[in-house]
Amino acid sequence: MIRKYLFSLLILFFSSLANADMNYISEGNKDAKIEIIVYESLTCGHCANFHKDVYPELKEKFIDTGLAKIEFRPFPLDYGALQAAKLSQCRSDNSLNILQALYSNQKKWAKGNTQDELNESLRNFFISEGINIDFEKCINDKKAEDFVINSRINGAKDYEINATPTMIINGKKFEKALNFKNIKNYLEKMI
């Protein structure tokens, strides 16, 4: 029993070391009163709609004003989302650029009947968009893969995430529809 417990602790310790240099993509004032976490899958149409229709207003009214910070956590629902999430985490600058490009152009890259076809679609998309990363290195990055998978596992465990997008505000799951009006009304009560 003690051996099993020590082994579990060692796995957790080394897992946290492996992901120590990886961070979730985020924006906003680190000391903001409101912390928003969004669990999302890059092949999810609802997640793409959130980035297109809701996030710009949320950013303008709450994030750019310093009232809130937001963190995007991967919760891949399929192989394509896993691969795309690894690529979005590839840059160490914590930039939203790759994430936004992937959501804005989901139909261009989220296709293929096999893993190889999907990877080729992603590669071609990155080339066509002029996104400069070492594609092979990023797509095969075991640390990034572990980081993304652990994000999904922890989201399911900590917040009972079972669909995307799911928003957590100051540690509580937001249970209403993710439209700007609902989010705005909720956040204004916290200010």
Protein backbone atom coordinates (compact mmCIF):
# COMPACT_ATOMS: atom_id res chain seq x y z
CA MET A 1 0.00 0.00 0.00
CA ILE A 2 2.79 2.43 0.92
CA ARG A 3 4.70 1.50 -2.26
CA LYS A 4 1.63 2.22 -4.38
CA TYR A 5 1.15 5.58 -2.63
CA LEU A 6 4.82 6.55 -3.09
CA PHE A 7 4.70 5.49 -6.73
CA SER A 8 1.61 7.68 -7.29
CA LEU A 9 3.37 10.64 -5.66
CA LEU A 10 6.43 10.14 -7.87
CA ILE A 11 4.27 10.05 -11.01
CA LEU A 12 2.52 13.27 -9.97
CA PHE A 13 5.84 14.93 -9.16
CA PHE A 14 7.51 14.00 -12.46
CA SER A 15 4.35 14.81 -14.41
CA SER A 16 4.35 18.31 -12.93
CA LEU A 17 8.05 18.69 -13.76
CA ALA A 18 7.45 17.60 -17.35
CA ASN A 19 4.82 20.32 -17.76
CA ALA A 20 6.65 22.98 -15.72
CA ASP A 21 7.62 25.01 -18.78
CA MET A 22 4.15 24.88 -20.35
CA ASN A 23 1.43 27.39 -19.57
CA TYR A 24 -2.17 27.75 -20.57
CA ILE A 25 -2.88 30.43 -23.14
CA SER A 26 -4.23 33.43 -21.27
CA GLU A 27 -4.94 37.14 -21.43
CA GLY A 28 -5.65 39.86 -18.92
CA ASN A 29 -4.48 41.31 -15.66
CA LYS A 30 -2.88 38.56 -13.55
CA ASP A 31 -4.26 40.22 -10.41
CA ALA A 32 -7.82 40.65 -11.71
CA LYS A 33 -10.65 40.00 -9.29
CA ILE A 34 -12.38 37.71 -11.79
CA GLU A 35 -10.68 34.58 -13.10
CA ILE A 36 -12.29 32.91 -16.11
CA ILE A 37 -11.22 29.49 -17.35
CA VAL A 38 -12.61 28.15 -20.60
CA TYR A 39 -12.27 24.44 -21.38
CA GLU A 40 -12.50 23.95 -25.12
CA SER A 41 -11.85 21.57 -27.99
CA LEU A 42 -10.36 22.94 -31.20
CA THR A 43 -12.67 20.85 -33.40
CA CYS A 44 -15.79 21.98 -31.52
CA GLY A 45 -18.04 24.27 -33.59
CA HIS A 46 -19.55 25.80 -30.43
CA CYS A 47 -16.04 26.68 -29.24
CA ALA A 48 -15.28 28.36 -32.57
CA ASN A 49 -18.53 30.33 -32.26
CA PHE A 50 -17.54 31.38 -28.73
CA HIS A 51 -14.24 32.79 -30.06
CA LYS A 52 -16.01 34.53 -32.95
CA ASP A 53 -19.20 35.81 -31.32
CA VAL A 54 -18.62 36.09 -27.56
CA TYR A 55 -14.92 36.46 -26.84
CA PRO A 56 -14.39 39.81 -28.63
CA GLU A 57 -17.01 41.56 -26.44
CA LEU A 58 -15.84 39.74 -23.32
CA LYS A 59 -12.29 40.85 -24.07
CA GLU A 60 -13.30 44.45 -24.71
CA LYS A 61 -15.55 44.89 -21.67
CA PHE A 62 -13.83 42.79 -19.02
CA ILE A 63 -10.34 41.61 -19.99
CA ASP A 64 -8.86 44.71 -21.65
CA THR A 65 -10.26 46.85 -18.81
CA GLY A 66 -8.41 44.77 -16.20
CA LEU A 67 -11.55 43.46 -14.52
CA ALA A 68 -10.98 39.86 -15.54
CA LYS A 69 -8.33 37.46 -16.75
CA ILE A 70 -9.05 34.51 -18.97
CA GLU A 71 -7.28 31.20 -19.44
CA PHE A 72 -7.99 28.79 -22.30
CA ARG A 73 -7.52 25.15 -21.34
CA PRO A 74 -7.51 22.35 -23.87
CA PHE A 75 -10.18 19.68 -23.54
CA PRO A 76 -9.74 17.72 -26.78
CA LEU A 77 -12.76 15.70 -27.85
CA ASP A 78 -10.97 13.85 -30.66
CA TYR A 79 -7.60 13.24 -32.29
CA GLY A 80 -7.79 16.39 -34.42
CA ALA A 81 -8.41 18.56 -31.38
CA LEU A 82 -5.49 16.91 -29.57
CA GLN A 83 -3.09 17.56 -32.45
CA ALA A 84 -4.30 21.15 -32.91
CA ALA A 85 -4.02 21.81 -29.16
CA LYS A 86 -0.41 20.59 -29.17
CA LEU A 87 0.33 23.00 -32.01
CA SER A 88 -1.40 25.90 -30.24
CA GLN A 89 0.80 25.28 -27.18
CA CYS A 90 3.95 25.12 -29.28
CA ARG A 91 4.98 28.74 -28.91
CA SER A 92 6.25 29.78 -25.51
CA ASP A 93 4.92 33.34 -25.87
CA ASN A 94 1.48 32.40 -24.49
CA SER A 95 -0.07 34.11 -27.52
CA LEU A 96 -3.66 33.63 -28.58
CA ASN A 97 -2.74 34.00 -32.28
CA ILE A 98 -2.50 30.30 -33.19
CA LEU A 99 -5.59 29.43 -31.14
CA GLN A 100 -7.62 32.19 -32.85
CA ALA A 101 -6.37 31.17 -36.32
CA LEU A 102 -7.38 27.55 -35.69
CA TYR A 103 -10.86 28.50 -34.50
CA SER A 104 -11.42 31.05 -37.28
CA ASN A 105 -10.52 28.52 -39.95
CA GLN A 106 -11.75 25.24 -38.49
CA LYS A 107 -13.23 24.05 -41.80
CA LYS A 108 -9.88 24.48 -43.58
CA TRP A 109 -7.90 22.11 -41.35
CA ALA A 110 -10.32 19.91 -39.35
CA LYS A 111 -10.64 17.27 -42.03
CA GLY A 112 -9.25 13.89 -42.92
CA ASN A 113 -10.28 10.28 -42.57
CA THR A 114 -7.02 9.15 -41.00
CA GLN A 115 -4.52 10.57 -38.54
CA ASP A 116 -2.06 11.14 -41.38
CA GLU A 117 -4.64 13.02 -43.46
CA LEU A 118 -5.57 15.21 -40.50
CA ASN A 119 -1.92 15.99 -39.75
CA GLU A 120 -1.40 16.87 -43.43
CA SER A 121 -4.43 19.20 -43.32
CA LEU A 122 -2.99 20.90 -40.25
CA ARG A 123 0.45 21.20 -41.87
CA ASN A 124 -1.03 22.70 -45.04
CA PHE A 125 -3.13 25.12 -42.99
CA PHE A 126 -0.11 26.36 -41.04
CA ILE A 127 1.84 26.85 -44.28
CA SER A 128 -1.05 28.68 -45.98
CA GLU A 129 -1.51 30.97 -42.97
CA GLY A 130 2.22 31.70 -42.69
CA ILE A 131 2.32 30.44 -39.10
CA ASN A 132 5.99 29.89 -38.44
CA ILE A 133 6.58 26.92 -36.15
CA ASP A 134 8.59 23.73 -36.39
CA PHE A 135 5.57 21.61 -37.31
CA GLU A 136 7.23 18.19 -36.93
CA LYS A 137 8.75 19.09 -33.58
CA CYS A 138 5.48 20.50 -32.26
CA ILE A 139 3.21 17.72 -33.52
CA ASN A 140 5.52 15.10 -31.97
CA ASP A 141 6.14 16.98 -28.69
CA LYS A 142 5.43 14.47 -25.91
CA LYS A 143 5.51 17.21 -23.22
CA ALA A 144 2.85 19.20 -25.07
CA GLU A 145 0.76 16.06 -25.55
CA ASP A 146 0.97 15.22 -21.84
CA PHE A 147 0.10 18.83 -20.98
CA VAL A 148 -3.01 18.75 -23.18
CA ILE A 149 -4.15 15.33 -21.98
CA ASN A 150 -3.60 16.30 -18.34
CA SER A 151 -5.67 19.44 -18.93
CA ARG A 152 -8.55 17.27 -20.10
CA ILE A 153 -8.17 14.80 -17.22
CA ASN A 154 -7.99 17.58 -14.62
CA GLY A 155 -10.96 19.42 -16.13
CA ALA A 156 -13.09 16.29 -15.92
CA LYS A 157 -11.89 15.54 -12.40
CA ASP A 158 -11.91 19.04 -10.89
CA TYR A 159 -14.98 20.54 -12.58
CA GLU A 160 -16.83 17.56 -14.06
CA ILE A 161 -16.35 18.95 -17.57
CA ASN A 162 -18.15 16.79 -20.11
CA ALA A 163 -18.84 19.22 -22.96
CA THR A 164 -17.15 22.14 -24.64
CA PRO A 165 -16.95 25.00 -24.27
CA THR A 166 -17.35 25.05 -20.50
CA MET A 167 -16.57 28.17 -18.51
CA ILE A 168 -15.36 28.28 -14.91
CA ILE A 169 -15.63 31.66 -13.18
CA ASN A 170 -13.74 32.09 -9.90
CA GLY A 171 -13.72 28.34 -9.39
CA LYS A 172 -17.41 27.71 -10.16
CA LYS A 173 -18.87 26.15 -13.28
CA PHE A 174 -20.98 28.65 -15.25
CA GLU A 175 -24.22 26.78 -15.88
CA LYS A 176 -25.99 29.14 -18.32
CA ALA A 177 -25.67 29.35 -22.10
CA LEU A 178 -22.33 30.91 -23.10
CA ASN A 179 -23.61 34.04 -24.78
CA PHE A 180 -22.28 37.49 -23.97
CA LYS A 181 -25.49 38.69 -22.31
CA ASN A 182 -25.52 35.83 -19.78
CA ILE A 183 -21.81 36.15 -19.06
CA LYS A 184 -21.98 39.95 -18.77
CA ASN A 185 -24.90 39.81 -16.31
CA TYR A 186 -23.04 37.25 -14.20
CA LEU A 187 -19.73 39.13 -14.20
CA GLU A 188 -21.28 42.51 -13.42
CA LYS A 189 -22.59 41.09 -10.14
CA MET A 190 -18.99 40.22 -9.19
CA ILE A 191 -17.52 43.69 -9.74
